[in-house]
Amino acid sequence: MKHWVDKDIIFDLLGAILEGDLQKALSVFDKAIKTTNPFSIFEGLLQTIQLVCRFLITKEIDNAVTEYEKNRIKDLKFSLQGLFLIYAQAYNILSKNNNLNTKDVIRPAAKGD
């Protein structure tokens, strides 16, 4: 299983989350975990959110980012507050567990499960 995630998957996932389309987000996530581990997906999501936040604040994008990625960032419909909330939740999930599945992401296991 790969440990990196295709940027298209990350942008598709982030776009679905920002649009509030949970079904699409879960579909993208479920498809992605067939080829890579969930930890890598959330790590890629966090990195992309940081990149987008940096763009929102400074209006500059790192030279290492491709034109395609720049266009995907500019096409996203989002708010800075929404991005920070998603970032905080993804970081919280990552910091607690490296062995994630969709059930853990949607509903963290209750004590005693």
N, C-alpha and C. Protein backbone atom coordinates (compact mmCIF):
# COMPACT_ATOMS: atom_id res chain seq x y z
N MET A 1 0.85 -1.18 0.00
CA MET A 1 0.00 0.00 0.00
C MET A 1 0.89 1.24 0.00
N LYS A 2 0.55 2.22 -0.85
CA LYS A 2 1.33 3.45 -0.95
C LYS A 2 1.14 4.30 0.31
N HIS A 3 2.12 5.16 0.52
CA HIS A 3 2.02 6.08 1.67
C HIS A 3 1.89 7.52 1.22
N TRP A 4 1.75 7.76 -0.05
CA TRP A 4 1.48 9.11 -0.54
C TRP A 4 0.14 9.10 -1.23
N VAL A 5 -0.45 10.27 -1.34
CA VAL A 5 -1.79 10.37 -1.91
C VAL A 5 -1.74 11.30 -3.12
N ASP A 6 -2.38 10.90 -4.18
CA ASP A 6 -2.50 11.71 -5.38
C ASP A 6 -3.14 13.05 -5.01
N LYS A 7 -2.56 14.14 -5.49
CA LYS A 7 -3.07 15.48 -5.17
C LYS A 7 -4.51 15.66 -5.64
N ASP A 8 -4.89 15.00 -6.75
CA ASP A 8 -6.27 15.10 -7.21
C ASP A 8 -7.24 14.58 -6.16
N ILE A 9 -6.87 13.49 -5.52
CA ILE A 9 -7.73 12.92 -4.48
C ILE A 9 -7.88 13.90 -3.33
N ILE A 10 -6.76 14.50 -2.93
CA ILE A 10 -6.79 15.47 -1.82
C ILE A 10 -7.66 16.67 -2.18
N PHE A 11 -7.49 17.21 -3.37
CA PHE A 11 -8.30 18.36 -3.78
C PHE A 11 -9.77 17.98 -3.92
N ASP A 12 -10.06 16.77 -4.43
CA ASP A 12 -11.44 16.31 -4.53
C ASP A 12 -12.05 16.17 -3.14
N LEU A 13 -11.30 15.60 -2.21
CA LEU A 13 -11.78 15.43 -0.85
C LEU A 13 -12.01 16.78 -0.17
N LEU A 14 -11.05 17.66 -0.28
CA LEU A 14 -11.19 18.98 0.33
C LEU A 14 -12.36 19.74 -0.29
N GLY A 15 -12.50 19.67 -1.61
CA GLY A 15 -13.61 20.34 -2.27
C GLY A 15 -14.95 19.83 -1.78
N ALA A 16 -15.09 18.51 -1.66
CA ALA A 16 -16.34 17.92 -1.19
C ALA A 16 -16.64 18.34 0.25
N ILE A 17 -15.61 18.38 1.08
CA ILE A 17 -15.79 18.80 2.48
C ILE A 17 -16.25 20.26 2.53
N LEU A 18 -15.57 21.10 1.77
CA LEU A 18 -15.89 22.53 1.79
C LEU A 18 -17.27 22.82 1.21
N GLU A 19 -17.72 21.97 0.29
CA GLU A 19 -19.07 22.12 -0.27
C GLU A 19 -20.13 21.56 0.66
N GLY A 20 -19.69 20.85 1.70
CA GLY A 20 -20.63 20.25 2.62
C GLY A 20 -21.26 18.98 2.08
N ASP A 21 -20.64 18.37 1.09
CA ASP A 21 -21.16 17.16 0.47
C ASP A 21 -20.53 15.94 1.14
N LEU A 22 -21.11 15.52 2.26
CA LEU A 22 -20.55 14.42 3.04
C LEU A 22 -20.51 13.11 2.26
N GLN A 23 -21.55 12.85 1.49
CA GLN A 23 -21.59 11.61 0.72
C GLN A 23 -20.43 11.56 -0.28
N LYS A 24 -20.19 12.65 -0.97
CA LYS A 24 -19.08 12.70 -1.93
C LYS A 24 -17.74 12.58 -1.20
N ALA A 25 -17.60 13.27 -0.07
CA ALA A 25 -16.36 13.22 0.70
C ALA A 25 -16.07 11.79 1.16
N LEU A 26 -17.09 11.10 1.65
CA LEU A 26 -16.90 9.72 2.09
C LEU A 26 -16.57 8.80 0.92
N SER A 27 -17.17 9.06 -0.22
CA SER A 27 -16.90 8.26 -1.41
C SER A 27 -15.44 8.44 -1.84
N VAL A 28 -14.97 9.68 -1.85
CA VAL A 28 -13.58 9.96 -2.21
C VAL A 28 -12.64 9.31 -1.19
N PHE A 29 -12.97 9.45 0.09
CA PHE A 29 -12.14 8.87 1.14
C PHE A 29 -12.08 7.35 1.03
N ASP A 30 -13.25 6.71 0.85
CA ASP A 30 -13.30 5.25 0.73
C ASP A 30 -12.51 4.76 -0.47
N LYS A 31 -12.59 5.50 -1.56
CA LYS A 31 -11.82 5.13 -2.76
C LYS A 31 -10.32 5.27 -2.49
N ALA A 32 -9.95 6.33 -1.79
CA ALA A 32 -8.53 6.59 -1.53
C ALA A 32 -7.91 5.55 -0.60
N ILE A 33 -8.67 5.07 0.39
CA ILE A 33 -8.07 4.12 1.35
C ILE A 33 -7.85 2.74 0.73
N LYS A 34 -8.33 2.54 -0.49
CA LYS A 34 -8.03 1.29 -1.18
C LYS A 34 -6.60 1.26 -1.70
N THR A 35 -5.99 2.44 -1.86
CA THR A 35 -4.64 2.51 -2.42
C THR A 35 -3.60 3.09 -1.46
N THR A 36 -4.03 3.68 -0.38
CA THR A 36 -3.09 4.25 0.59
C THR A 36 -3.72 4.20 1.97
N ASN A 37 -2.92 4.48 2.98
CA ASN A 37 -3.46 4.41 4.34
C ASN A 37 -4.14 5.73 4.73
N PRO A 38 -5.12 5.68 5.60
CA PRO A 38 -5.87 6.88 6.00
C PRO A 38 -4.98 7.96 6.60
N PHE A 39 -3.93 7.57 7.30
CA PHE A 39 -3.02 8.55 7.88
C PHE A 39 -2.43 9.43 6.78
N SER A 40 -2.04 8.83 5.68
CA SER A 40 -1.47 9.59 4.56
C SER A 40 -2.49 10.54 3.94
N ILE A 41 -3.74 10.11 3.90
CA ILE A 41 -4.79 10.96 3.35
C ILE A 41 -4.96 12.21 4.22
N PHE A 42 -5.04 12.01 5.53
CA PHE A 42 -5.20 13.16 6.42
C PHE A 42 -3.95 14.04 6.43
N GLU A 43 -2.79 13.44 6.32
CA GLU A 43 -1.56 14.22 6.25
C GLU A 43 -1.56 15.09 4.99
N GLY A 44 -1.95 14.50 3.87
CA GLY A 44 -2.04 15.27 2.63
C GLY A 44 -3.08 16.36 2.72
N LEU A 45 -4.20 16.06 3.37
CA LEU A 45 -5.25 17.05 3.57
C LEU A 45 -4.74 18.22 4.41
N LEU A 46 -4.02 17.92 5.49
CA LEU A 46 -3.46 18.97 6.34
C LEU A 46 -2.47 19.84 5.57
N GLN A 47 -1.60 19.21 4.79
CA GLN A 47 -0.62 19.97 4.01
C GLN A 47 -1.32 20.88 2.99
N THR A 48 -2.35 20.37 2.37
CA THR A 48 -3.07 21.16 1.38
C THR A 48 -3.82 22.31 2.04
N ILE A 49 -4.41 22.07 3.19
CA ILE A 49 -5.09 23.15 3.91
C ILE A 49 -4.09 24.23 4.31
N GLN A 50 -2.92 23.84 4.77
CA GLN A 50 -1.89 24.84 5.10
C GLN A 50 -1.52 25.66 3.87
N LEU A 51 -1.38 25.01 2.74
CA LEU A 51 -1.04 25.68 1.49
C LEU A 51 -2.14 26.67 1.10
N VAL A 52 -3.39 26.24 1.19
CA VAL A 52 -4.52 27.10 0.85
C VAL A 52 -4.60 28.29 1.81
N CYS A 53 -4.42 28.05 3.11
CA CYS A 53 -4.44 29.14 4.09
C CYS A 53 -3.34 30.15 3.81
N ARG A 54 -2.15 29.65 3.50
CA ARG A 54 -1.05 30.55 3.17
C ARG A 54 -1.40 31.41 1.97
N PHE A 55 -2.04 30.80 0.97
CA PHE A 55 -2.46 31.55 -0.21
C PHE A 55 -3.50 32.61 0.15
N LEU A 56 -4.47 32.24 0.99
CA LEU A 56 -5.51 33.19 1.39
C LEU A 56 -4.93 34.39 2.14
N ILE A 57 -3.95 34.13 2.98
CA ILE A 57 -3.39 35.19 3.81
C ILE A 57 -2.39 36.05 3.04
N THR A 58 -1.49 35.41 2.30
CA THR A 58 -0.41 36.14 1.63
C THR A 58 -0.65 36.41 0.16
N LYS A 59 -1.62 35.69 -0.43
CA LYS A 59 -1.90 35.74 -1.87
C LYS A 59 -0.71 35.23 -2.70
N GLU A 60 0.17 34.50 -2.05
CA GLU A 60 1.32 33.91 -2.74
C GLU A 60 1.29 32.40 -2.57
N ILE A 61 1.80 31.70 -3.57
CA ILE A 61 1.88 30.25 -3.51
C ILE A 61 3.33 29.86 -3.75
N ASP A 62 3.79 28.90 -2.99
CA ASP A 62 5.14 28.38 -3.07
C ASP A 62 5.48 28.02 -4.51
N ASN A 63 6.74 28.27 -4.92
CA ASN A 63 7.19 27.95 -6.27
C ASN A 63 7.15 26.46 -6.57
N ALA A 64 7.16 25.61 -5.54
CA ALA A 64 7.13 24.17 -5.73
C ALA A 64 5.76 23.67 -6.17
N VAL A 65 4.75 24.52 -6.06
CA VAL A 65 3.39 24.14 -6.42
C VAL A 65 3.21 24.29 -7.93
N THR A 66 2.65 23.27 -8.56
CA THR A 66 2.45 23.29 -10.00
C THR A 66 1.30 24.23 -10.38
N GLU A 67 1.27 24.62 -11.65
CA GLU A 67 0.18 25.47 -12.14
C GLU A 67 -1.18 24.79 -11.93
N TYR A 68 -1.20 23.48 -12.15
CA TYR A 68 -2.43 22.72 -11.97
C TYR A 68 -2.92 22.85 -10.53
N GLU A 69 -2.01 22.68 -9.56
CA GLU A 69 -2.38 22.81 -8.15
C GLU A 69 -2.82 24.23 -7.82
N LYS A 70 -2.14 25.22 -8.39
CA LYS A 70 -2.54 26.61 -8.17
C LYS A 70 -3.98 26.84 -8.65
N ASN A 71 -4.30 26.29 -9.80
CA ASN A 71 -5.65 26.44 -10.33
C ASN A 71 -6.67 25.71 -9.48
N ARG A 72 -6.32 24.54 -8.97
CA ARG A 72 -7.24 23.81 -8.08
C ARG A 72 -7.49 24.61 -6.81
N ILE A 73 -6.46 25.24 -6.27
CA ILE A 73 -6.61 26.06 -5.06
C ILE A 73 -7.54 27.23 -5.35
N LYS A 74 -7.33 27.89 -6.46
CA LYS A 74 -8.15 29.06 -6.80
C LYS A 74 -9.59 28.68 -7.10
N ASP A 75 -9.83 27.44 -7.53
CA ASP A 75 -11.19 26.99 -7.84
C ASP A 75 -11.98 26.56 -6.61
N LEU A 76 -11.30 26.30 -5.50
CA LEU A 76 -12.00 25.88 -4.28
C LEU A 76 -12.87 27.00 -3.76
N LYS A 77 -14.04 26.64 -3.28
CA LYS A 77 -14.93 27.61 -2.65
C LYS A 77 -14.87 27.36 -1.15
N PHE A 78 -14.33 28.33 -0.42
CA PHE A 78 -14.08 28.09 0.99
C PHE A 78 -14.02 29.39 1.77
N SER A 79 -13.99 29.23 3.07
CA SER A 79 -13.74 30.35 3.95
C SER A 79 -12.53 29.98 4.81
N LEU A 80 -11.80 30.95 5.23
CA LEU A 80 -10.63 30.72 6.07
C LEU A 80 -11.04 30.04 7.37
N GLN A 81 -12.15 30.48 7.95
CA GLN A 81 -12.62 29.89 9.20
C GLN A 81 -12.95 28.40 9.00
N GLY A 82 -13.61 28.08 7.91
CA GLY A 82 -13.93 26.68 7.61
C GLY A 82 -12.68 25.83 7.46
N LEU A 83 -11.67 26.37 6.79
CA LEU A 83 -10.42 25.63 6.61
C LEU A 83 -9.75 25.36 7.95
N PHE A 84 -9.73 26.35 8.82
CA PHE A 84 -9.10 26.16 10.13
C PHE A 84 -9.83 25.10 10.95
N LEU A 85 -11.15 25.08 10.85
CA LEU A 85 -11.92 24.06 11.58
C LEU A 85 -11.62 22.66 11.04
N ILE A 86 -11.57 22.51 9.73
CA ILE A 86 -11.24 21.22 9.13
C ILE A 86 -9.83 20.81 9.52
N TYR A 87 -8.91 21.77 9.48
CA TYR A 87 -7.52 21.48 9.85
C TYR A 87 -7.43 20.99 11.29
N ALA A 88 -8.12 21.67 12.18
CA ALA A 88 -8.07 21.30 13.60
C ALA A 88 -8.65 19.90 13.82
N GLN A 89 -9.74 19.59 13.15
CA GLN A 89 -10.34 18.26 13.31
C GLN A 89 -9.45 17.17 12.73
N ALA A 90 -8.89 17.41 11.55
CA ALA A 90 -8.01 16.41 10.94
C ALA A 90 -6.76 16.21 11.79
N TYR A 91 -6.21 17.29 12.32
CA TYR A 91 -5.02 17.17 13.17
C TYR A 91 -5.35 16.38 14.43
N ASN A 92 -6.51 16.64 15.01
CA ASN A 92 -6.94 15.93 16.21
C ASN A 92 -7.05 14.43 15.94
N ILE A 93 -7.65 14.07 14.82
CA ILE A 93 -7.79 12.66 14.45
C ILE A 93 -6.41 12.03 14.25
N LEU A 94 -5.54 12.72 13.54
CA LEU A 94 -4.20 12.19 13.27
C LEU A 94 -3.39 12.01 14.53
N SER A 95 -3.51 12.94 15.44
CA SER A 95 -2.69 12.88 16.65
C SER A 95 -3.10 11.74 17.57
N LYS A 96 -4.32 11.22 17.39
CA LYS A 96 -4.80 10.17 18.28
C LYS A 96 -4.59 8.76 17.74
N ASN A 97 -4.55 8.59 16.41
CA ASN A 97 -4.57 7.24 15.89
C ASN A 97 -3.98 7.17 14.49
N ASN A 98 -3.10 6.21 14.27
CA ASN A 98 -2.53 5.99 12.94
C ASN A 98 -3.28 4.92 12.16
N ASN A 99 -4.16 4.17 12.79
CA ASN A 99 -4.90 3.10 12.13
C ASN A 99 -6.36 3.49 12.01
N LEU A 100 -6.66 4.31 11.00
CA LEU A 100 -8.00 4.85 10.84
C LEU A 100 -8.78 4.09 9.79
N ASN A 101 -10.10 4.14 9.94
CA ASN A 101 -11.00 3.70 8.88
C ASN A 101 -12.17 4.67 8.86
N THR A 102 -13.06 4.52 7.91
CA THR A 102 -14.17 5.47 7.77
C THR A 102 -14.98 5.58 9.05
N LYS A 103 -15.23 4.47 9.72
CA LYS A 103 -16.01 4.49 10.96
C LYS A 103 -15.36 5.39 12.01
N ASP A 104 -14.03 5.33 12.12
CA ASP A 104 -13.32 6.15 13.10
C ASP A 104 -13.39 7.62 12.75
N VAL A 105 -13.39 7.93 11.48
CA VAL A 105 -13.43 9.32 11.05
C VAL A 105 -14.81 9.93 11.27
N ILE A 106 -15.84 9.16 10.98
CA ILE A 106 -17.20 9.66 11.12
C ILE A 106 -17.63 9.71 12.58
N ARG A 107 -17.38 8.63 13.30
CA ARG A 107 -17.80 8.55 14.69
C ARG A 107 -16.67 7.92 15.48
N PRO A 108 -15.86 8.77 16.16
CA PRO A 108 -14.80 8.18 16.98
C PRO A 108 -15.37 7.16 17.95
N ALA A 109 -14.65 6.08 18.13
CA ALA A 109 -15.12 4.98 18.99
C ALA A 109 -15.35 5.49 20.41
N ALA A 110 -16.47 5.11 20.98
CA ALA A 110 -16.78 5.47 22.35
C ALA A 110 -16.00 4.56 23.27
N LYS A 111 -15.76 5.04 24.47
CA LYS A 111 -15.05 4.20 25.44
C LYS A 111 -15.86 2.96 25.69
N GLY A 112 -15.19 1.82 25.67
CA GLY A 112 -15.86 0.56 25.89
C GLY A 112 -16.28 -0.14 24.62
N ASP A 113 -16.11 0.54 23.43
CA ASP A 113 -16.44 -0.11 22.14
C ASP A 113 -15.48 -1.23 21.85
